[in-house]
Amino acid sequence: MRGSRFGWIRIALVILVLLVLPKLISEYRLNLVITMMIYSIFALSYNLLFGQGGLLSFGHAAYFGFGAYATVILVKQLAMPLPLGILLGGLAGAFLGLAFGVFVVRMRGVPFALLTLAFNQLIYVTAEKWRAVTGGEDGIAFIRPNLNLGGWEIDLWGTLNWYYFVLLVTLICVGCLWYLTLTPLGRLNLCMRENEDRARFIGYNTYASRLIIYILSGFFAGVAGGLAAAFQEFVTTTFINLDKATDVLMMTFIGGGGTFFGPVIGSCALILINDLLSTWMERWAIVQGLLFILLVLYAPNGLSGLYRSIRERWAKQKTGATQP
């Protein structure tokens, strides 16, 4: 009970800091925090498959990009309100997850990874060639519309209002994903990661459960894609390419896929590192790759796992020092 209460206090403190953060940092840094929040949703959606489900996917960018395109087209062409456009972008990601998941969740291991990669490339090529709808490599630009709340109009073009809008969506998504881990479906997802045969033996329909998890993962990835497109006021094939699929994998691995908040830590760390390195040097991607290699070698459980191991070692040393 004490540990649970302490955890809720820490979450409340983090939310409080996020609420007052715009008064403490510059507009440039605030835009960086917005990017971190959007990609935290993306990384958490991927963690449903990789960290909690044990499925290595190379095609998660397809749902991110599909949601981004759906949001932009609905808002620009149909003059749809932005919140509804982002929600429908998430549903577009879920629909694509259903269409691909019917085939993908039957696989495991290398076949699963390769099939997700193939489907991702299918969506990428479609977006690149279907210029009449997607704009091809030129993409689609649009102006982020204001938020109309019953006659009360909020200007979302301003960084401050947009920050609080993204913060609200992020808190809702993180809360839903956290609640999912506490449900029987979330616990079954962990069980299937450890021993899917045993879960099937005791009577669970593992195929249907995997498919639902895959659809939910696609939904939240689509929401993140819609937010990212609205933030940049632009969507192009870079939202779907292999670089984007690799980025979400790195974010999840860097933070630690074995924990819930690990991907959040990883997305914040990777975006911050990329920003600092790109400011200091031209060939920053080489240094990023070296840092990732070192992390794989010396901290295979990510930053959250590294923190846990240091804390446990320190606790053992402290216990040993107090013993006579």
C-alpha atoms as a PDB file:
ATOM      1  CA  MET A   1       0.000   0.000   0.000  1.00  0.00           C
ATOM      2  CA  ARG A   2       2.819   2.379   0.879  1.00  0.00           C
ATOM      3  CA  GLY A   3       4.617   1.657  -2.396  1.00  0.00           C
ATOM      4  CA  SER A   4       1.416   2.158  -4.379  1.00  0.00           C
ATOM      5  CA  ARG A   5       0.719   5.458  -2.615  1.00  0.00           C
ATOM      6  CA  PHE A   6       4.288   6.617  -3.282  1.00  0.00           C
ATOM      7  CA  GLY A   7       3.894   5.722  -6.966  1.00  0.00           C
ATOM      8  CA  TRP A   8       0.714   7.818  -7.284  1.00  0.00           C
ATOM      9  CA  ILE A   9       2.463  10.736  -5.573  1.00  0.00           C
ATOM     10  CA  ARG A  10       5.300  10.580  -8.114  1.00  0.00           C
ATOM     11  CA  ILE A  11       2.839  10.496 -11.016  1.00  0.00           C
ATOM     12  CA  ALA A  12       0.988  13.508  -9.578  1.00  0.00           C
ATOM     13  CA  LEU A  13       4.282  15.393  -9.233  1.00  0.00           C
ATOM     14  CA  VAL A  14       5.207  14.636 -12.848  1.00  0.00           C
ATOM     15  CA  ILE A  15       1.819  15.904 -14.052  1.00  0.00           C
ATOM     16  CA  LEU A  16       2.212  19.031 -11.929  1.00  0.00           C
ATOM     17  CA  VAL A  17       5.651  19.700 -13.424  1.00  0.00           C
ATOM     18  CA  LEU A  18       4.257  19.236 -16.938  1.00  0.00           C
ATOM     19  CA  LEU A  19       1.472  21.729 -16.189  1.00  0.00           C
ATOM     20  CA  VAL A  20       3.872  24.481 -15.101  1.00  0.00           C
ATOM     21  CA  LEU A  21       6.652  23.572 -17.541  1.00  0.00           C
ATOM     22  CA  PRO A  22       5.761  26.238 -20.169  1.00  0.00           C
ATOM     23  CA  LYS A  23       6.652  28.923 -17.629  1.00  0.00           C
ATOM     24  CA  LEU A  24      10.084  27.411 -17.004  1.00  0.00           C
ATOM     25  CA  ILE A  25      11.530  26.739 -20.469  1.00  0.00           C
ATOM     26  CA  SER A  26      11.829  28.462 -23.834  1.00  0.00           C
ATOM     27  CA  GLU A  27       9.432  27.945 -26.739  1.00  0.00           C
ATOM     28  CA  TYR A  28      12.030  25.869 -28.586  1.00  0.00           C
ATOM     29  CA  ARG A  29      12.392  23.500 -25.632  1.00  0.00           C
ATOM     30  CA  LEU A  30       8.630  23.392 -25.253  1.00  0.00           C
ATOM     31  CA  ASN A  31       8.311  22.175 -28.860  1.00  0.00           C
ATOM     32  CA  LEU A  32      10.887  19.519 -28.006  1.00  0.00           C
ATOM     33  CA  VAL A  33       8.761  18.373 -25.059  1.00  0.00           C
ATOM     34  CA  ILE A  34       5.710  18.210 -27.352  1.00  0.00           C
ATOM     35  CA  THR A  35       7.669  15.917 -29.659  1.00  0.00           C
ATOM     36  CA  MET A  36       8.633  13.754 -26.680  1.00  0.00           C
ATOM     37  CA  MET A  37       5.001  13.372 -25.611  1.00  0.00           C
ATOM     38  CA  ILE A  38       3.827  12.414 -29.104  1.00  0.00           C
ATOM     39  CA  TYR A  39       6.541   9.811 -29.545  1.00  0.00           C
ATOM     40  CA  SER A  40       5.932   8.508 -26.031  1.00  0.00           C
ATOM     41  CA  ILE A  41       2.454   7.452 -27.187  1.00  0.00           C
ATOM     42  CA  PHE A  42       4.012   5.867 -30.278  1.00  0.00           C
ATOM     43  CA  ALA A  43       6.603   3.980 -28.210  1.00  0.00           C
ATOM     44  CA  LEU A  44       4.023   2.803 -25.668  1.00  0.00           C
ATOM     45  CA  SER A  45       1.831   1.481 -28.483  1.00  0.00           C
ATOM     46  CA  TYR A  46       4.821  -0.451 -29.802  1.00  0.00           C
ATOM     47  CA  ASN A  47       5.574  -1.741 -26.318  1.00  0.00           C
ATOM     48  CA  LEU A  48       2.230  -3.566 -26.340  1.00  0.00           C
ATOM     49  CA  LEU A  49       3.782  -5.832 -28.953  1.00  0.00           C
ATOM     50  CA  PHE A  50       7.491  -5.810 -28.161  1.00  0.00           C
ATOM     51  CA  GLY A  51       7.917  -5.340 -24.421  1.00  0.00           C
ATOM     52  CA  GLN A  52       4.676  -6.809 -23.115  1.00  0.00           C
ATOM     53  CA  GLY A  53       3.884  -9.243 -25.918  1.00  0.00           C
ATOM     54  CA  GLY A  54       7.380 -10.375 -26.905  1.00  0.00           C
ATOM     55  CA  LEU A  55       6.804  -9.683 -30.625  1.00  0.00           C
ATOM     56  CA  LEU A  56       9.524  -7.893 -32.562  1.00  0.00           C
ATOM     57  CA  SER A  57       7.869  -5.809 -35.275  1.00  0.00           C
ATOM     58  CA  PHE A  58       9.601  -3.854 -38.039  1.00  0.00           C
ATOM     59  CA  GLY A  59       6.355  -2.463 -39.441  1.00  0.00           C
ATOM     60  CA  HIS A  60       4.849  -0.315 -36.708  1.00  0.00           C
ATOM     61  CA  ALA A  61       5.455   2.860 -38.701  1.00  0.00           C
ATOM     62  CA  ALA A  62       2.690   1.774 -41.091  1.00  0.00           C
ATOM     63  CA  TYR A  63       0.018   2.494 -38.457  1.00  0.00           C
ATOM     64  CA  PHE A  64       1.709   5.731 -37.391  1.00  0.00           C
ATOM     65  CA  GLY A  65       1.823   6.972 -40.990  1.00  0.00           C
ATOM     66  CA  PHE A  66      -1.646   5.679 -41.882  1.00  0.00           C
ATOM     67  CA  GLY A  67      -3.123   7.547 -38.935  1.00  0.00           C
ATOM     68  CA  ALA A  68      -1.196  10.677 -39.922  1.00  0.00           C
ATOM     69  CA  TYR A  69      -2.470  10.608 -43.509  1.00  0.00           C
ATOM     70  CA  ALA A  70      -6.037   9.889 -42.384  1.00  0.00           C
ATOM     71  CA  THR A  71      -5.994  12.806 -39.938  1.00  0.00           C
ATOM     72  CA  VAL A  72      -4.605  15.303 -42.458  1.00  0.00           C
ATOM     73  CA  ILE A  73      -6.981  14.273 -45.244  1.00  0.00           C
ATOM     74  CA  LEU A  74     -10.045  14.356 -42.977  1.00  0.00           C
ATOM     75  CA  VAL A  75      -9.165  17.726 -41.448  1.00  0.00           C
ATOM     76  CA  LYS A  76      -8.065  19.375 -44.689  1.00  0.00           C
ATOM     77  CA  GLN A  77     -10.485  17.920 -47.215  1.00  0.00           C
ATOM     78  CA  LEU A  78     -13.589  17.439 -45.049  1.00  0.00           C
ATOM     79  CA  ALA A  79     -13.034  20.352 -42.620  1.00  0.00           C
ATOM     80  CA  MET A  80     -13.345  17.932 -39.706  1.00  0.00           C
ATOM     81  CA  PRO A  81     -12.530  19.158 -36.168  1.00  0.00           C
ATOM     82  CA  LEU A  82      -8.966  18.294 -35.232  1.00  0.00           C
ATOM     83  CA  PRO A  83      -9.767  16.138 -32.146  1.00  0.00           C
ATOM     84  CA  LEU A  84     -12.214  14.079 -34.209  1.00  0.00           C
ATOM     85  CA  GLY A  85      -9.659  13.837 -37.031  1.00  0.00           C
ATOM     86  CA  ILE A  86      -7.021  12.518 -34.623  1.00  0.00           C
ATOM     87  CA  LEU A  87      -9.493  10.021 -33.145  1.00  0.00           C
ATOM     88  CA  LEU A  88     -10.415   8.796 -36.626  1.00  0.00           C
ATOM     89  CA  GLY A  89      -6.711   8.639 -37.434  1.00  0.00           C
ATOM     90  CA  GLY A  90      -6.396   6.242 -34.518  1.00  0.00           C
ATOM     91  CA  LEU A  91      -9.325   4.230 -35.825  1.00  0.00           C
ATOM     92  CA  ALA A  92      -7.635   4.143 -39.239  1.00  0.00           C
ATOM     93  CA  GLY A  93      -4.547   2.696 -37.573  1.00  0.00           C
ATOM     94  CA  ALA A  94      -6.758   0.154 -35.794  1.00  0.00           C
ATOM     95  CA  PHE A  95      -8.441  -0.799 -39.076  1.00  0.00           C
ATOM     96  CA  LEU A  96      -5.058  -1.338 -40.715  1.00  0.00           C
ATOM     97  CA  GLY A  97      -4.006  -3.349 -37.667  1.00  0.00           C
ATOM     98  CA  LEU A  98      -7.049  -5.564 -38.157  1.00  0.00           C
ATOM     99  CA  ALA A  99      -6.391  -5.985 -41.895  1.00  0.00           C
ATOM    100  CA  PHE A 100      -2.736  -6.948 -41.363  1.00  0.00           C
ATOM    101  CA  GLY A 101      -3.114  -8.566 -37.961  1.00  0.00           C
ATOM    102  CA  VAL A 102      -5.353 -11.320 -39.309  1.00  0.00           C
ATOM    103  CA  PHE A 103      -2.266 -12.648 -41.090  1.00  0.00           C
ATOM    104  CA  VAL A 104       0.563 -11.341 -38.919  1.00  0.00           C
ATOM    105  CA  VAL A 105      -0.445 -12.646 -35.477  1.00  0.00           C
ATOM    106  CA  ARG A 106      -0.332 -16.215 -36.734  1.00  0.00           C
ATOM    107  CA  MET A 107       3.460 -15.867 -36.951  1.00  0.00           C
ATOM    108  CA  ARG A 108       6.171 -15.744 -34.326  1.00  0.00           C
ATOM    109  CA  GLY A 109       9.848 -14.829 -34.268  1.00  0.00           C
ATOM    110  CA  VAL A 110      11.616 -14.083 -37.544  1.00  0.00           C
ATOM    111  CA  PRO A 111       8.561 -14.765 -39.805  1.00  0.00           C
ATOM    112  CA  PHE A 112       6.545 -12.258 -37.753  1.00  0.00           C
ATOM    113  CA  ALA A 113       9.266  -9.598 -38.022  1.00  0.00           C
ATOM    114  CA  LEU A 114       9.707 -10.087 -41.771  1.00  0.00           C
ATOM    115  CA  LEU A 115       5.980 -10.080 -42.477  1.00  0.00           C
ATOM    116  CA  THR A 116       5.476  -6.835 -40.565  1.00  0.00           C
ATOM    117  CA  LEU A 117       8.377  -5.338 -42.524  1.00  0.00           C
ATOM    118  CA  ALA A 118       6.776  -6.440 -45.804  1.00  0.00           C
ATOM    119  CA  PHE A 119       3.406  -4.893 -44.883  1.00  0.00           C
ATOM    120  CA  ASN A 120       5.141  -1.680 -43.824  1.00  0.00           C
ATOM    121  CA  GLN A 121       6.872  -1.450 -47.199  1.00  0.00           C
ATOM    122  CA  LEU A 122       3.542  -2.118 -48.923  1.00  0.00           C
ATOM    123  CA  ILE A 123       1.981   0.929 -47.239  1.00  0.00           C
ATOM    124  CA  TYR A 124       5.105   2.993 -47.905  1.00  0.00           C
ATOM    125  CA  VAL A 125       5.110   2.209 -51.633  1.00  0.00           C
ATOM    126  CA  THR A 126       1.370   2.827 -51.857  1.00  0.00           C
ATOM    127  CA  ALA A 127       1.759   6.252 -50.243  1.00  0.00           C
ATOM    128  CA  GLU A 128       4.681   7.067 -52.525  1.00  0.00           C
ATOM    129  CA  LYS A 129       2.936   6.100 -55.761  1.00  0.00           C
ATOM    130  CA  TRP A 130      -0.650   7.197 -55.029  1.00  0.00           C
ATOM    131  CA  ARG A 131       0.161  10.881 -55.521  1.00  0.00           C
ATOM    132  CA  ALA A 132      -3.435  11.930 -56.164  1.00  0.00           C
ATOM    133  CA  VAL A 133      -4.296  11.145 -52.525  1.00  0.00           C
ATOM    134  CA  THR A 134      -1.023  11.277 -50.583  1.00  0.00           C
ATOM    135  CA  GLY A 135       1.008  13.765 -52.602  1.00  0.00           C
ATOM    136  CA  GLY A 136       3.775  11.193 -53.005  1.00  0.00           C
ATOM    137  CA  GLU A 137       7.182  12.303 -51.749  1.00  0.00           C
ATOM    138  CA  ASP A 138       5.953  15.926 -51.676  1.00  0.00           C
ATOM    139  CA  GLY A 139       3.398  15.048 -49.025  1.00  0.00           C
ATOM    140  CA  ILE A 140       0.382  17.061 -47.885  1.00  0.00           C
ATOM    141  CA  ALA A 141       0.578  20.384 -46.057  1.00  0.00           C
ATOM    142  CA  PHE A 142      -2.287  21.878 -44.073  1.00  0.00           C
ATOM    143  CA  ILE A 143      -2.945  24.527 -41.442  1.00  0.00           C
ATOM    144  CA  ARG A 144      -3.736  23.320 -37.941  1.00  0.00           C
ATOM    145  CA  PRO A 145      -7.318  24.471 -37.270  1.00  0.00           C
ATOM    146  CA  ASN A 146      -8.571  26.082 -34.110  1.00  0.00           C
ATOM    147  CA  LEU A 147     -10.454  24.105 -31.511  1.00  0.00           C
ATOM    148  CA  ASN A 148     -14.115  25.083 -31.269  1.00  0.00           C
ATOM    149  CA  LEU A 149     -15.805  24.215 -27.968  1.00  0.00           C
ATOM    150  CA  GLY A 150     -19.417  25.280 -28.255  1.00  0.00           C
ATOM    151  CA  GLY A 151     -18.704  28.779 -29.494  1.00  0.00           C
ATOM    152  CA  TRP A 152     -15.488  29.108 -27.462  1.00  0.00           C
ATOM    153  CA  GLU A 153     -12.608  29.001 -29.926  1.00  0.00           C
ATOM    154  CA  ILE A 154      -9.096  28.033 -28.854  1.00  0.00           C
ATOM    155  CA  ASP A 155      -6.169  28.930 -31.075  1.00  0.00           C
ATOM    156  CA  LEU A 156      -4.142  25.724 -31.462  1.00  0.00           C
ATOM    157  CA  TRP A 157      -1.573  27.391 -33.689  1.00  0.00           C
ATOM    158  CA  GLY A 158       0.031  28.960 -30.628  1.00  0.00           C
ATOM    159  CA  THR A 159       2.649  26.770 -28.974  1.00  0.00           C
ATOM    160  CA  LEU A 160       1.220  27.115 -25.461  1.00  0.00           C
ATOM    161  CA  ASN A 161      -2.341  26.044 -26.338  1.00  0.00           C
ATOM    162  CA  TRP A 162      -1.047  23.268 -28.565  1.00  0.00           C
ATOM    163  CA  TYR A 163       1.200  22.015 -25.743  1.00  0.00           C
ATOM    164  CA  TYR A 164      -1.727  21.670 -23.346  1.00  0.00           C
ATOM    165  CA  PHE A 165      -3.840  19.962 -26.018  1.00  0.00           C
ATOM    166  CA  VAL A 166      -1.093  17.390 -26.680  1.00  0.00           C
ATOM    167  CA  LEU A 167      -0.560  16.966 -22.939  1.00  0.00           C
ATOM    168  CA  LEU A 168      -4.260  16.179 -22.455  1.00  0.00           C
ATOM    169  CA  VAL A 169      -4.271  13.616 -25.282  1.00  0.00           C
ATOM    170  CA  THR A 170      -1.031  12.078 -23.979  1.00  0.00           C
ATOM    171  CA  LEU A 171      -2.384  11.698 -20.438  1.00  0.00           C
ATOM    172  CA  ILE A 172      -5.551  10.056 -21.768  1.00  0.00           C
ATOM    173  CA  CYS A 173      -3.596   7.623 -23.951  1.00  0.00           C
ATOM    174  CA  VAL A 174      -1.073   6.772 -21.231  1.00  0.00           C
ATOM    175  CA  GLY A 175      -3.905   6.260 -18.749  1.00  0.00           C
ATOM    176  CA  CYS A 176      -5.749   3.931 -21.141  1.00  0.00           C
ATOM    177  CA  LEU A 177      -2.597   1.945 -21.887  1.00  0.00           C
ATOM    178  CA  TRP A 178      -1.795   1.683 -18.182  1.00  0.00           C
ATOM    179  CA  TYR A 179      -5.322   0.490 -17.426  1.00  0.00           C
ATOM    180  CA  LEU A 180      -4.971  -2.097 -20.196  1.00  0.00           C
ATOM    181  CA  THR A 181      -2.027  -3.673 -18.373  1.00  0.00           C
ATOM    182  CA  LEU A 182      -4.278  -4.209 -15.322  1.00  0.00           C
ATOM    183  CA  THR A 183      -7.074  -5.910 -17.270  1.00  0.00           C
ATOM    184  CA  PRO A 184      -7.259  -9.672 -17.892  1.00  0.00           C
ATOM    185  CA  LEU A 185      -6.305  -9.016 -21.534  1.00  0.00           C
ATOM    186  CA  GLY A 186      -3.194  -7.127 -20.481  1.00  0.00           C
ATOM    187  CA  ARG A 187      -2.164  -9.868 -18.071  1.00  0.00           C
ATOM    188  CA  LEU A 188      -2.823 -12.471 -20.750  1.00  0.00           C
ATOM    189  CA  ASN A 189      -0.528 -10.551 -23.081  1.00  0.00           C
ATOM    190  CA  LEU A 190       2.283 -10.919 -20.538  1.00  0.00           C
ATOM    191  CA  CYS A 191       1.398 -14.574 -20.060  1.00  0.00           C
ATOM    192  CA  MET A 192       1.600 -15.235 -23.809  1.00  0.00           C
ATOM    193  CA  ARG A 193       5.008 -13.582 -23.891  1.00  0.00           C
ATOM    194  CA  GLU A 194       6.309 -16.015 -21.293  1.00  0.00           C
ATOM    195  CA  ASN A 195       4.560 -19.204 -22.429  1.00  0.00           C
ATOM    196  CA  GLU A 196       1.928 -19.022 -25.143  1.00  0.00           C
ATOM    197  CA  ASP A 197       1.478 -22.802 -25.266  1.00  0.00           C
ATOM    198  CA  ARG A 198       0.514 -22.882 -21.594  1.00  0.00           C
ATOM    199  CA  ALA A 199      -1.974 -20.033 -22.095  1.00  0.00           C
ATOM    200  CA  ARG A 200      -3.542 -21.951 -24.965  1.00  0.00           C
ATOM    201  CA  PHE A 201      -3.562 -25.168 -22.934  1.00  0.00           C
ATOM    202  CA  ILE A 202      -5.560 -23.669 -20.065  1.00  0.00           C
ATOM    203  CA  GLY A 203      -8.247 -22.500 -22.490  1.00  0.00           C
ATOM    204  CA  TYR A 204      -7.401 -19.018 -23.765  1.00  0.00           C
ATOM    205  CA  ASN A 205      -7.921 -18.135 -27.420  1.00  0.00           C
ATOM    206  CA  THR A 206      -4.425 -16.795 -28.016  1.00  0.00           C
ATOM    207  CA  TYR A 207      -5.029 -15.932 -31.662  1.00  0.00           C
ATOM    208  CA  ALA A 208      -8.016 -13.667 -30.899  1.00  0.00           C
ATOM    209  CA  SER A 209      -6.197 -12.136 -27.939  1.00  0.00           C
ATOM    210  CA  ARG A 210      -3.113 -11.386 -30.030  1.00  0.00           C
ATOM    211  CA  LEU A 211      -5.309  -9.859 -32.720  1.00  0.00           C
ATOM    212  CA  ILE A 212      -7.055  -7.541 -30.236  1.00  0.00           C
ATOM    213  CA  ILE A 213      -3.690  -6.450 -28.832  1.00  0.00           C
ATOM    214  CA  TYR A 214      -2.425  -5.828 -32.357  1.00  0.00           C
ATOM    215  CA  ILE A 215      -5.490  -3.708 -33.202  1.00  0.00           C
ATOM    216  CA  LEU A 216      -5.131  -1.654 -30.005  1.00  0.00           C
ATOM    217  CA  SER A 217      -1.459  -1.125 -30.741  1.00  0.00           C
ATOM    218  CA  GLY A 218      -2.354   0.131 -34.218  1.00  0.00           C
ATOM    219  CA  PHE A 219      -4.984   2.480 -32.754  1.00  0.00           C
ATOM    220  CA  PHE A 220      -2.596   4.270 -30.399  1.00  0.00           C
ATOM    221  CA  ALA A 221       0.088   4.411 -33.084  1.00  0.00           C
ATOM    222  CA  GLY A 222      -2.487   6.060 -35.376  1.00  0.00           C
ATOM    223  CA  VAL A 223      -3.325   8.622 -32.682  1.00  0.00           C
ATOM    224  CA  ALA A 224       0.387   9.419 -32.315  1.00  0.00           C
ATOM    225  CA  GLY A 225       0.692   9.766 -36.080  1.00  0.00           C
ATOM    226  CA  GLY A 226      -2.275  12.144 -36.200  1.00  0.00           C
ATOM    227  CA  LEU A 227      -0.749  14.286 -33.458  1.00  0.00           C
ATOM    228  CA  ALA A 228       2.636  14.313 -35.200  1.00  0.00           C
ATOM    229  CA  ALA A 229       1.086  15.380 -38.519  1.00  0.00           C
ATOM    230  CA  ALA A 230      -0.937  18.130 -36.829  1.00  0.00           C
ATOM    231  CA  PHE A 231       2.181  19.294 -34.967  1.00  0.00           C
ATOM    232  CA  GLN A 232       4.284  19.536 -38.120  1.00  0.00           C
ATOM    233  CA  GLU A 233       1.286  20.627 -40.233  1.00  0.00           C
ATOM    234  CA  PHE A 234       2.636  18.271 -42.835  1.00  0.00           C
ATOM    235  CA  VAL A 235       2.664  14.574 -43.648  1.00  0.00           C
ATOM    236  CA  THR A 236       4.882  12.717 -46.083  1.00  0.00           C
ATOM    237  CA  THR A 237       6.221   9.233 -46.720  1.00  0.00           C
ATOM    238  CA  THR A 238       8.876   9.750 -44.026  1.00  0.00           C
ATOM    239  CA  PHE A 239       6.104   8.969 -41.546  1.00  0.00           C
ATOM    240  CA  ILE A 240       6.020   5.397 -42.867  1.00  0.00           C
ATOM    241  CA  ASN A 241       9.566   4.580 -43.940  1.00  0.00           C
ATOM    242  CA  LEU A 242      11.931   2.119 -42.297  1.00  0.00           C
ATOM    243  CA  ASP A 243      13.702   4.914 -40.383  1.00  0.00           C
ATOM    244  CA  LYS A 244      10.495   5.637 -38.484  1.00  0.00           C
ATOM    245  CA  ALA A 245       9.991   1.942 -37.733  1.00  0.00           C
ATOM    246  CA  THR A 246      13.579   1.754 -36.456  1.00  0.00           C
ATOM    247  CA  ASP A 247      13.161   4.874 -34.321  1.00  0.00           C
ATOM    248  CA  VAL A 248      10.264   3.428 -32.322  1.00  0.00           C
ATOM    249  CA  LEU A 249      12.196   0.188 -31.820  1.00  0.00           C
ATOM    250  CA  MET A 250      15.204   2.137 -30.521  1.00  0.00           C
ATOM    251  CA  MET A 251      13.031   4.238 -28.213  1.00  0.00           C
ATOM    252  CA  THR A 252      11.455   1.161 -26.673  1.00  0.00           C
ATOM    253  CA  PHE A 253      14.758  -0.683 -26.327  1.00  0.00           C
ATOM    254  CA  ILE A 254      16.674   2.310 -24.939  1.00  0.00           C
ATOM    255  CA  GLY A 255      14.080   2.918 -22.227  1.00  0.00           C
ATOM    256  CA  GLY A 256      13.497  -0.757 -21.511  1.00  0.00           C
ATOM    257  CA  GLY A 257      10.616  -2.712 -23.004  1.00  0.00           C
ATOM    258  CA  GLY A 258      10.177  -4.788 -19.845  1.00  0.00           C
ATOM    259  CA  THR A 259       8.609  -1.875 -17.952  1.00  0.00           C
ATOM    260  CA  PHE A 260       5.589   0.276 -18.697  1.00  0.00           C
ATOM    261  CA  PHE A 261       7.275   3.692 -18.507  1.00  0.00           C
ATOM    262  CA  GLY A 262      10.520   2.487 -20.086  1.00  0.00           C
ATOM    263  CA  PRO A 263       9.459   3.473 -23.636  1.00  0.00           C
ATOM    264  CA  VAL A 264       8.537   6.955 -22.349  1.00  0.00           C
ATOM    265  CA  ILE A 265      12.040   7.318 -20.926  1.00  0.00           C
ATOM    266  CA  GLY A 266      13.528   5.968 -24.146  1.00  0.00           C
ATOM    267  CA  SER A 267      11.590   8.324 -26.424  1.00  0.00           C
ATOM    268  CA  CYS A 268      12.552  11.343 -24.310  1.00  0.00           C
ATOM    269  CA  ALA A 269      16.190  10.245 -24.166  1.00  0.00           C
ATOM    270  CA  LEU A 270      16.492   9.556 -27.903  1.00  0.00           C
ATOM    271  CA  ILE A 271      14.857  12.843 -28.936  1.00  0.00           C
ATOM    272  CA  LEU A 272      17.021  14.799 -26.497  1.00  0.00           C
ATOM    273  CA  ILE A 273      20.212  13.030 -27.625  1.00  0.00           C
ATOM    274  CA  ASN A 274      19.377  13.606 -31.293  1.00  0.00           C
ATOM    275  CA  ASP A 275      18.716  17.283 -30.628  1.00  0.00           C
ATOM    276  CA  LEU A 276      21.989  17.769 -28.752  1.00  0.00           C
ATOM    277  CA  LEU A 277      24.118  15.786 -31.207  1.00  0.00           C
ATOM    278  CA  SER A 278      22.635  17.499 -34.278  1.00  0.00           C
ATOM    279  CA  THR A 279      23.468  20.846 -32.650  1.00  0.00           C
ATOM    280  CA  TRP A 280      27.055  19.911 -31.918  1.00  0.00           C
ATOM    281  CA  MET A 281      28.081  18.026 -35.045  1.00  0.00           C
ATOM    282  CA  GLU A 282      27.115  17.283 -38.630  1.00  0.00           C
ATOM    283  CA  ARG A 283      27.484  13.480 -38.608  1.00  0.00           C
ATOM    284  CA  TRP A 284      25.556  13.001 -35.409  1.00  0.00           C
ATOM    285  CA  ALA A 285      23.895   9.767 -36.584  1.00  0.00           C
ATOM    286  CA  ILE A 286      27.240   7.924 -36.274  1.00  0.00           C
ATOM    287  CA  VAL A 287      27.546   8.882 -32.616  1.00  0.00           C
ATOM    288  CA  GLN A 288      23.923   7.902 -32.048  1.00  0.00           C
ATOM    289  CA  GLY A 289      24.651   4.463 -33.493  1.00  0.00           C
ATOM    290  CA  LEU A 290      27.715   4.042 -31.261  1.00  0.00           C
ATOM    291  CA  LEU A 291      25.717   4.996 -28.174  1.00  0.00           C
ATOM    292  CA  PHE A 292      23.050   2.460 -29.112  1.00  0.00           C
ATOM    293  CA  ILE A 293      25.682  -0.290 -29.538  1.00  0.00           C
ATOM    294  CA  LEU A 294      27.125   0.494 -26.100  1.00  0.00           C
ATOM    295  CA  LEU A 295      23.664   0.347 -24.586  1.00  0.00           C
ATOM    296  CA  VAL A 296      22.987  -3.047 -26.171  1.00  0.00           C
ATOM    297  CA  LEU A 297      26.300  -4.399 -24.865  1.00  0.00           C
ATOM    298  CA  TYR A 298      26.252  -3.022 -21.335  1.00  0.00           C
ATOM    299  CA  ALA A 299      22.576  -2.319 -20.584  1.00  0.00           C
ATOM    300  CA  PRO A 300      20.484  -4.853 -22.523  1.00  0.00           C
ATOM    301  CA  ASN A 301      17.434  -4.087 -20.348  1.00  0.00           C
ATOM    302  CA  GLY A 302      17.525  -0.392 -21.247  1.00  0.00           C
ATOM    303  CA  LEU A 303      17.854   2.667 -19.044  1.00  0.00           C
ATOM    304  CA  SER A 304      15.084   1.548 -16.697  1.00  0.00           C
ATOM    305  CA  GLY A 305      16.785  -1.825 -16.260  1.00  0.00           C
ATOM    306  CA  LEU A 306      20.116  -0.094 -15.645  1.00  0.00           C
ATOM    307  CA  TYR A 307      18.499   2.089 -12.997  1.00  0.00           C
ATOM    308  CA  ARG A 308      16.952  -0.947 -11.276  1.00  0.00           C
ATOM    309  CA  SER A 309      20.245  -2.843 -11.232  1.00  0.00           C
ATOM    310  CA  ILE A 310      22.116   0.153  -9.765  1.00  0.00           C
ATOM    311  CA  ARG A 311      19.416   0.652  -7.137  1.00  0.00           C
ATOM    312  CA  GLU A 312      19.454  -3.035  -6.160  1.00  0.00           C
ATOM    313  CA  ARG A 313      23.245  -3.072  -5.955  1.00  0.00           C
ATOM    314  CA  TRP A 314      23.227   0.073  -3.818  1.00  0.00           C
ATOM    315  CA  ALA A 315      20.569  -1.449  -1.534  1.00  0.00           C
ATOM    316  CA  LYS A 316      22.653  -4.615  -1.098  1.00  0.00           C
ATOM    317  CA  GLN A 317      25.751  -2.596  -0.272  1.00  0.00           C
ATOM    318  CA  LYS A 318      23.779  -0.531   2.217  1.00  0.00           C
ATOM    319  CA  THR A 319      22.342  -3.668   3.840  1.00  0.00           C
ATOM    320  CA  GLY A 320      25.789  -5.256   4.027  1.00  0.00           C
ATOM    321  CA  ALA A 321      27.270  -2.129   5.604  1.00  0.00           C
ATOM    322  CA  THR A 322      24.621  -2.051   8.371  1.00  0.00           C
ATOM    323  CA  GLN A 323      25.049  -5.710   9.282  1.00  0.00           C
ATOM    324  CA  PRO A 324      27.526  -6.418  12.119  1.00  0.00           C
END
